[in-house]
Protein backbone atom coordinates (compact mmCIF):
# COMPACT_ATOMS: atom_id res chain seq x y z
CA UNK A 1 63.64 216.17 43.78
CA UNK A 2 63.33 218.91 41.21
CA UNK A 3 60.39 218.88 38.85
CA UNK A 4 62.55 218.65 35.68
CA UNK A 5 64.56 215.72 37.02
CA UNK A 6 61.44 213.87 38.05
CA UNK A 7 59.96 214.33 34.56
CA UNK A 8 63.21 213.11 32.97
CA UNK A 9 63.19 210.07 35.27
CA UNK A 10 59.64 209.18 34.20
CA UNK A 11 60.54 209.56 30.52
CA UNK A 12 63.57 207.31 30.97
CA UNK A 13 61.56 204.66 32.78
CA UNK A 14 59.04 204.57 29.95
CA UNK A 15 61.54 204.74 27.11
CA UNK A 16 63.87 202.12 28.54
CA UNK A 17 61.25 199.53 27.73
CA UNK A 18 62.26 200.19 24.13
CA UNK A 19 65.42 198.22 24.92
CA UNK A 20 63.34 195.07 24.81
CA UNK A 21 62.10 195.63 21.25
CA UNK A 22 65.10 194.02 19.48
CA UNK A 23 65.07 190.76 21.44
CA UNK A 24 61.28 190.56 21.27
CA UNK A 25 61.37 190.95 17.48
CA UNK A 26 63.99 188.18 17.35
CA UNK A 27 61.81 185.97 19.54
CA UNK A 28 58.73 186.52 17.38
CA UNK A 29 60.71 185.88 14.18
CA UNK A 30 62.23 182.72 15.66
CA UNK A 31 58.92 181.37 16.92
CA UNK A 32 57.17 182.13 13.62
CA UNK A 33 59.89 180.45 11.58
CA UNK A 34 59.95 177.49 13.95
CA UNK A 35 56.17 177.02 14.13
CA UNK A 36 55.40 177.97 10.52
CA UNK A 37 58.55 177.14 8.56
CA UNK A 38 58.71 178.28 4.94
CA UNK A 39 57.81 175.24 2.86
CA UNK A 40 59.42 176.19 -0.42
CA UNK A 41 62.34 178.40 -1.36
CA UNK A 42 60.94 181.92 -1.73
CA UNK A 43 62.18 185.52 -1.87
CA UNK A 44 59.98 186.76 1.01
CA UNK A 45 60.01 184.56 4.09
CA UNK A 46 62.80 182.57 5.70
CA UNK A 47 66.58 182.46 6.01
CA UNK A 48 67.58 183.52 2.51
CA UNK A 49 71.20 183.21 1.42
CA UNK A 50 72.68 181.70 -1.74
CA UNK A 51 73.84 178.61 0.12
CA UNK A 52 70.49 178.12 1.87
CA UNK A 53 68.63 178.52 -1.44
CA UNK A 54 70.69 175.94 -3.37
CA UNK A 55 68.27 173.08 -2.71
CA UNK A 56 65.08 172.33 -0.86
CA UNK A 57 67.05 170.25 1.66
CA UNK A 58 69.50 173.09 2.43
CA UNK A 59 66.57 175.52 2.66
CA UNK A 60 64.76 173.41 5.24
CA UNK A 61 67.94 172.76 7.27
CA UNK A 62 68.96 176.44 7.28
CA UNK A 63 65.53 177.68 8.33
CA UNK A 64 65.18 175.11 11.09
CA UNK A 65 68.61 175.99 12.48
CA UNK A 66 68.09 179.76 12.11
CA UNK A 67 64.75 179.57 13.95
CA UNK A 68 66.35 177.77 16.92
CA UNK A 69 69.26 180.22 17.01
CA UNK A 70 66.88 183.19 16.86
CA UNK A 71 64.98 181.87 19.88
CA UNK A 72 68.15 181.18 21.90
CA UNK A 73 69.67 184.55 21.02
CA UNK A 74 66.47 186.40 21.86
CA UNK A 75 66.38 184.82 25.33
CA UNK A 76 70.00 185.92 25.84
CA UNK A 77 69.00 189.39 24.61
CA UNK A 78 66.07 189.64 27.02
CA UNK A 79 68.25 188.61 29.96
CA UNK A 80 70.84 191.19 28.89
CA UNK A 81 68.13 193.87 28.66
CA UNK A 82 66.87 193.07 32.15
CA UNK A 83 70.38 193.57 33.53
CA UNK A 84 70.77 196.81 31.55
CA UNK A 85 67.37 198.01 32.77
CA UNK A 86 68.44 197.47 36.37
CA UNK A 87 71.75 199.26 35.78
CA UNK A 88 69.97 202.33 34.43
CA UNK A 89 67.39 202.40 37.20
CA UNK A 90 70.10 202.13 39.86
CA UNK A 91 72.33 204.79 38.28
CA UNK A 92 72.50 208.13 40.11
CA UNK A 93 69.77 210.41 38.85
CA UNK A 94 72.14 213.04 37.50
CA UNK A 95 73.93 210.46 35.28
CA UNK A 96 70.92 208.32 34.43
CA UNK A 97 70.34 209.82 30.99
CA UNK A 98 73.96 209.25 29.92
CA UNK A 99 73.83 205.73 31.32
CA UNK A 100 70.65 205.10 29.32
CA UNK A 101 72.26 206.33 26.09
CA UNK A 102 75.26 204.07 26.67
CA UNK A 103 73.00 201.09 27.37
CA UNK A 104 71.03 201.71 24.17
CA UNK A 105 74.21 201.66 22.07
CA UNK A 106 75.52 198.56 23.84
CA UNK A 107 72.16 196.85 23.29
CA UNK A 108 72.14 197.72 19.58
CA UNK A 109 75.71 196.44 19.32
CA UNK A 110 74.68 193.15 20.93
CA UNK A 111 71.74 192.86 18.51
CA UNK A 112 74.03 193.40 15.50
CA UNK A 113 76.55 190.86 16.83
CA UNK A 114 73.76 188.33 17.33
CA UNK A 115 72.53 188.75 13.75
CA UNK A 116 76.04 188.43 12.31
CA UNK A 117 76.69 185.40 14.52
CA UNK A 118 73.44 183.77 13.45
CA UNK A 119 74.21 184.17 9.75
CA UNK A 120 77.79 182.97 10.22
CA UNK A 121 76.80 179.91 12.25
CA UNK A 122 74.11 178.84 9.77
CA UNK A 123 76.38 179.39 6.76
CA UNK A 124 79.26 177.42 8.34
CA UNK A 125 76.95 174.54 9.24
CA UNK A 126 75.52 174.52 5.71
CA UNK A 127 79.03 174.42 4.26
CA UNK A 128 80.06 171.56 6.58
CA UNK A 129 76.98 169.59 5.50
CA UNK A 130 78.10 170.01 1.88
CA UNK A 131 75.41 172.38 0.67
């Protein structure tokens, strides 16, 4: 193995752990909101949308639901990252960097889809409850 390729392989192995940052942030946010829910409607902490902020009851419901969804989606994200990590490590060395770049963009796309899905699900459930 050439020296440059070996160095690139080590850099990729270390930087691929960055894939796990998004789902870990989601997990921490979900656990914090679940364990320490925001008590009152505020502009700093919690699931803040117009519908969720209409009443104290809608605020509590939205934050409880959002916390559970964050935790579920973060577990899905971690499992997805493990699969992506294995794909990159098993890719041929000469294409590993391109595979890594593709995986990073796919992972960021999944993260964005999860956030949009979370907001949509909570808003639809709030609307169905009449908030």
